[in-house]
């Protein structure tokens, strides 16, 4: 009736976009995928980021390690061409990329520039669509797509500003991709972790105050780690979650239920 292999990722091939350093949520996810038996392809943003990411890719025995700036023409396509050449298929892909210019992120939404808003939307949201489009033909036997959101997509979180509407768009994209790709056996998961001290989060004003509030008010009364997010995400990539799709999955100690 049950098969322990359904809780594993042995033989599976996956792509992880967005590792910046050892504190990255994407690294927590990549480590969990690997722990469950998958092979993972790893990317890094640019040569400045490479020294921080390469040792992590080596520790994960990543057979594919490539640069990928989603705003650089051809970068994302080159990664998928390498996957096609080396693996000929893909079982899961994780998008953990977000960016907004500091002046737009730290100012009021109403004062945000059109250029800043569009750049944030392109990097943080539309690149997930592009990733899904490139992954689709490699997932002939089905697969899983993941993107990282935050509670500020659903409710107003002070100082989250511009990223709130951008993440709300990302969550809507997840639902529409679920509908479009479901008949092909491709599942889509939006993961919404609690606040974690990552490089991306460092741009949010008064972030330490937010961490303190969440640790105090979350039902589990502790902060989430990248390992917590990684294990939950990896579980959703297994066959045990074969009929779970289209949801925003909160990994936040229950904080999102609080009024």
Protein backbone atom coordinates (compact mmCIF):
# COMPACT_ATOMS: atom_id res chain seq x y z
CA UNK A 1 0.00 0.00 0.00
CA UNK A 2 2.78 2.41 0.94
CA UNK A 3 6.25 2.57 -0.54
CA UNK A 4 9.15 4.14 1.35
CA UNK A 5 10.54 5.27 -2.03
CA UNK A 6 7.67 7.76 -2.18
CA UNK A 7 9.43 9.67 0.59
CA UNK A 8 12.72 9.83 -1.29
CA UNK A 9 14.13 11.67 -4.31
CA UNK A 10 16.63 9.03 -5.40
CA UNK A 11 17.44 9.36 -9.09
CA UNK A 12 15.64 12.70 -9.39
CA UNK A 13 17.26 15.71 -11.08
CA UNK A 14 16.60 19.26 -9.97
CA UNK A 15 17.61 22.86 -10.54
CA UNK A 16 18.08 25.39 -7.74
CA UNK A 17 18.21 29.09 -8.62
CA UNK A 18 19.06 31.71 -6.03
CA UNK A 19 21.84 30.51 -3.73
CA UNK A 20 23.85 33.56 -2.63
CA UNK A 21 25.66 32.09 0.38
CA UNK A 22 25.31 29.50 3.14
CA UNK A 23 22.49 31.48 4.75
CA UNK A 24 20.27 31.38 1.64
CA UNK A 25 16.89 29.66 1.75
CA UNK A 26 17.81 28.17 -1.63
CA UNK A 27 20.81 26.48 -0.02
CA UNK A 28 18.61 24.99 2.68
CA UNK A 29 16.37 23.60 -0.05
CA UNK A 30 19.25 22.31 -2.18
CA UNK A 31 20.71 20.54 0.86
CA UNK A 32 17.38 18.88 1.63
CA UNK A 33 16.88 17.77 -1.98
CA UNK A 34 20.34 16.23 -1.87
CA UNK A 35 19.70 14.64 1.53
CA UNK A 36 16.69 12.84 0.04
CA UNK A 37 18.80 11.52 -2.82
CA UNK A 38 18.38 13.99 -5.69
CA UNK A 39 21.08 15.47 -7.89
CA UNK A 40 20.97 19.26 -8.04
CA UNK A 41 22.17 21.78 -10.59
CA UNK A 42 23.30 25.01 -8.93
CA UNK A 43 23.64 28.53 -10.33
CA UNK A 44 25.34 31.67 -9.09
CA UNK A 45 24.54 35.27 -9.97
CA UNK A 46 27.93 36.53 -11.15
CA UNK A 47 31.67 36.30 -10.55
CA UNK A 48 31.36 38.35 -7.36
CA UNK A 49 28.97 35.75 -5.95
CA UNK A 50 30.85 32.70 -7.23
CA UNK A 51 33.35 32.34 -4.31
CA UNK A 52 30.43 32.14 -1.87
CA UNK A 53 28.41 29.64 -3.89
CA UNK A 54 31.04 27.35 -5.43
CA UNK A 55 32.07 25.63 -2.16
CA UNK A 56 28.39 24.96 -1.45
CA UNK A 57 27.89 23.47 -4.91
CA UNK A 58 30.93 21.27 -4.36
CA UNK A 59 29.58 20.10 -0.99
CA UNK A 60 26.37 19.09 -2.77
CA UNK A 61 28.27 17.31 -5.56
CA UNK A 62 26.46 19.47 -8.09
CA UNK A 63 27.20 18.12 -11.60
CA UNK A 64 26.06 21.39 -13.17
CA UNK A 65 27.32 24.72 -11.79
CA UNK A 66 26.73 27.77 -13.96
CA UNK A 67 26.22 31.53 -13.80
CA UNK A 68 22.66 32.74 -14.14
CA UNK A 69 21.52 36.33 -14.04
CA UNK A 70 17.85 36.15 -15.03
CA UNK A 71 18.09 39.65 -16.50
CA UNK A 72 21.06 38.75 -18.71
CA UNK A 73 19.85 37.61 -22.15
CA UNK A 74 20.58 33.92 -22.68
CA UNK A 75 21.75 33.04 -19.14
CA UNK A 76 18.66 31.11 -18.09
CA UNK A 77 18.40 29.46 -21.49
CA UNK A 78 22.04 28.32 -21.25
CA UNK A 79 21.36 26.65 -17.91
CA UNK A 80 18.45 24.70 -19.34
CA UNK A 81 20.45 23.76 -22.42
CA UNK A 82 23.13 22.31 -20.13
CA UNK A 83 20.45 20.37 -18.24
CA UNK A 84 19.02 19.07 -21.49
CA UNK A 85 22.46 18.00 -22.72
CA UNK A 86 23.61 16.36 -19.49
CA UNK A 87 20.38 14.99 -18.05
CA UNK A 88 17.81 15.17 -20.88
CA UNK A 89 15.11 15.69 -18.24
CA UNK A 90 14.23 17.65 -15.11
CA UNK A 91 12.14 16.55 -12.12
CA UNK A 92 11.96 19.77 -10.11
CA UNK A 93 13.09 23.38 -10.27
CA UNK A 94 13.25 25.93 -7.49
CA UNK A 95 13.15 29.70 -7.95
CA UNK A 96 14.41 31.62 -4.92
CA UNK A 97 15.21 35.00 -6.43
CA UNK A 98 13.91 38.40 -5.38
CA UNK A 99 15.19 41.92 -5.87
CA UNK A 100 14.03 45.53 -5.69
CA UNK A 101 16.17 48.66 -5.87
CA UNK A 102 16.89 49.84 -2.32
CA UNK A 103 15.36 53.27 -2.83
CA UNK A 104 12.11 51.68 -3.99
CA UNK A 105 12.08 48.92 -1.39
CA UNK A 106 12.68 51.26 1.54
CA UNK A 107 10.28 53.95 0.39
CA UNK A 108 6.50 54.05 0.26
CA UNK A 109 4.84 51.98 -2.44
CA UNK A 110 3.05 55.09 -3.68
CA UNK A 111 6.42 56.75 -4.28
CA UNK A 112 8.03 53.79 -6.07
CA UNK A 113 9.47 54.40 -9.52
CA UNK A 114 8.08 52.68 -12.57
CA UNK A 115 11.56 51.39 -13.41
CA UNK A 116 12.10 50.01 -9.90
CA UNK A 117 8.69 48.36 -9.80
CA UNK A 118 9.17 46.78 -13.22
CA UNK A 119 12.65 45.52 -12.31
CA UNK A 120 11.35 43.98 -9.09
CA UNK A 121 8.50 42.34 -10.98
CA UNK A 122 10.77 41.00 -13.70
CA UNK A 123 13.39 39.48 -11.39
CA UNK A 124 11.10 38.34 -8.59
CA UNK A 125 8.07 37.18 -10.58
CA UNK A 126 8.29 37.01 -14.35
CA UNK A 127 11.56 35.08 -14.25
CA UNK A 128 9.61 32.30 -12.52
CA UNK A 129 7.34 32.15 -15.56
CA UNK A 130 10.37 31.98 -17.83
CA UNK A 131 11.86 29.22 -15.71
CA UNK A 132 8.60 27.27 -15.91
CA UNK A 133 8.44 27.67 -19.68
CA UNK A 134 11.95 26.27 -20.08
CA UNK A 135 11.31 23.47 -17.59
CA UNK A 136 8.06 22.29 -19.16
CA UNK A 137 9.52 20.33 -22.10
CA UNK A 138 12.03 18.63 -19.77
CA UNK A 139 9.24 17.42 -17.48
CA UNK A 140 7.63 14.94 -19.86
CA UNK A 141 6.97 12.60 -16.93
CA UNK A 142 5.75 15.36 -14.63
CA UNK A 143 7.62 17.35 -12.04
CA UNK A 144 7.48 20.13 -9.47
CA UNK A 145 8.10 23.87 -9.66
CA UNK A 146 8.78 25.94 -6.56
CA UNK A 147 8.95 29.68 -5.88
CA UNK A 148 9.53 31.57 -2.63
CA UNK A 149 7.01 34.12 -1.39
CA UNK A 150 6.33 35.83 1.95
CA UNK A 151 3.30 36.67 4.14
CA UNK A 152 3.53 40.28 2.92
CA UNK A 153 1.89 39.06 -0.30
CA UNK A 154 -1.34 38.37 1.61
CA UNK A 155 -1.39 40.98 4.37
CA UNK A 156 0.27 44.34 4.80
CA UNK A 157 3.59 43.89 6.58
CA UNK A 158 5.15 47.14 7.71
CA UNK A 159 8.28 48.05 5.71
CA UNK A 160 7.74 45.29 3.13
CA UNK A 161 6.47 48.00 0.79
CA UNK A 162 7.00 47.36 -2.93
CA UNK A 163 7.65 43.65 -2.49
CA UNK A 164 4.15 43.02 -1.16
CA UNK A 165 2.39 43.52 -4.53
CA UNK A 166 5.26 41.78 -6.33
CA UNK A 167 4.97 38.66 -4.17
CA UNK A 168 1.17 38.78 -4.49
CA UNK A 169 1.66 38.64 -8.26
CA UNK A 170 4.04 35.69 -7.82
CA UNK A 171 1.43 33.78 -5.82
CA UNK A 172 -1.20 34.44 -8.51
CA UNK A 173 1.25 33.25 -11.17
CA UNK A 174 1.65 30.04 -9.18
CA UNK A 175 -2.08 29.39 -9.30
CA UNK A 176 -2.34 30.00 -13.04
CA UNK A 177 0.70 27.85 -13.79
CA UNK A 178 -0.87 25.11 -11.67
CA UNK A 179 -3.94 25.20 -13.89
CA UNK A 180 -1.97 25.25 -17.14
CA UNK A 181 0.61 22.61 -16.26
CA UNK A 182 -1.46 20.24 -14.12
CA UNK A 183 -2.63 18.12 -17.09
CA UNK A 184 1.05 17.38 -17.79
CA UNK A 185 1.65 16.16 -14.27
CA UNK A 186 3.61 19.27 -13.30
CA UNK A 187 2.84 20.56 -9.82
CA UNK A 188 3.43 24.15 -8.69
CA UNK A 189 4.19 25.14 -5.11
CA UNK A 190 4.57 28.61 -3.67
CA UNK A 191 6.49 28.40 -0.39
CA UNK A 192 6.00 31.19 2.15
CA UNK A 193 8.69 31.00 4.84
CA UNK A 194 8.70 33.04 8.00
CA UNK A 195 11.32 35.81 8.13
CA UNK A 196 14.90 34.57 7.97
CA UNK A 197 18.09 36.62 8.08
CA UNK A 198 19.22 36.29 4.46
CA UNK A 199 21.08 38.70 2.22
CA UNK A 200 17.83 39.61 0.45
CA UNK A 201 16.08 40.35 3.76
CA UNK A 202 18.84 42.73 4.81
CA UNK A 203 17.34 45.42 2.59
CA UNK A 204 14.08 45.54 4.57
CA UNK A 205 13.93 48.35 7.14
CA UNK A 206 13.69 47.38 10.82
CA UNK A 207 13.97 43.69 9.95
CA UNK A 208 15.30 42.77 13.39
CA UNK A 209 12.08 44.12 14.94
CA UNK A 210 10.08 41.89 12.62
CA UNK A 211 12.13 38.85 13.67
CA UNK A 212 11.51 39.60 17.33
CA UNK A 213 7.76 39.98 16.79
CA UNK A 214 7.45 36.74 14.87
CA UNK A 215 9.47 34.79 17.44
CA UNK A 216 7.14 36.08 20.16
CA UNK A 217 3.77 35.76 18.39
CA UNK A 218 4.11 32.62 16.26
CA UNK A 219 2.30 29.67 17.87
CA UNK A 220 5.50 27.61 17.75
CA UNK A 221 7.33 30.55 19.41
CA UNK A 222 10.51 30.27 17.42
CA UNK A 223 11.95 31.48 14.15
CA UNK A 224 12.15 29.33 11.06
CA UNK A 225 15.51 28.14 9.71
CA UNK A 226 16.63 27.43 6.17
CA UNK A 227 16.68 23.75 7.15
CA UNK A 228 12.99 23.92 8.14
CA UNK A 229 12.09 25.45 4.79
CA UNK A 230 14.33 23.03 2.92
CA UNK A 231 12.84 19.88 4.41
CA UNK A 232 9.25 21.06 3.86
CA UNK A 233 10.03 21.98 0.26
CA UNK A 234 11.84 18.72 -0.46
CA UNK A 235 8.90 16.76 0.93
CA UNK A 236 6.64 18.46 -1.59
CA UNK A 237 8.96 17.31 -4.38
CA UNK A 238 8.50 13.66 -3.40
CA UNK A 239 5.82 11.33 -4.66
CA UNK A 240 4.19 11.50 -1.23
CA UNK A 241 2.89 14.94 -2.28
CA UNK A 242 1.82 13.83 -5.76
CA UNK A 243 -1.65 15.39 -5.47
CA UNK A 244 -0.64 18.56 -3.64
CA UNK A 245 -0.40 21.52 -6.00
CA UNK A 246 -1.46 25.12 -6.41
CA UNK A 247 -1.12 26.01 -2.73
CA UNK A 248 0.85 28.63 -0.90
CA UNK A 249 2.55 26.54 1.78
CA UNK A 250 3.48 28.46 4.91
CA UNK A 251 6.59 27.41 6.80
CA UNK A 252 6.41 30.03 9.53
CA UNK A 253 5.61 28.32 12.81
CA UNK A 254 1.96 29.26 12.36
CA UNK A 255 2.53 33.02 12.39
CA UNK A 256 0.23 33.57 9.38
CA UNK A 257 -2.86 32.50 11.36
CA UNK A 258 -2.44 35.30 13.88
CA UNK A 259 -4.55 38.44 13.63
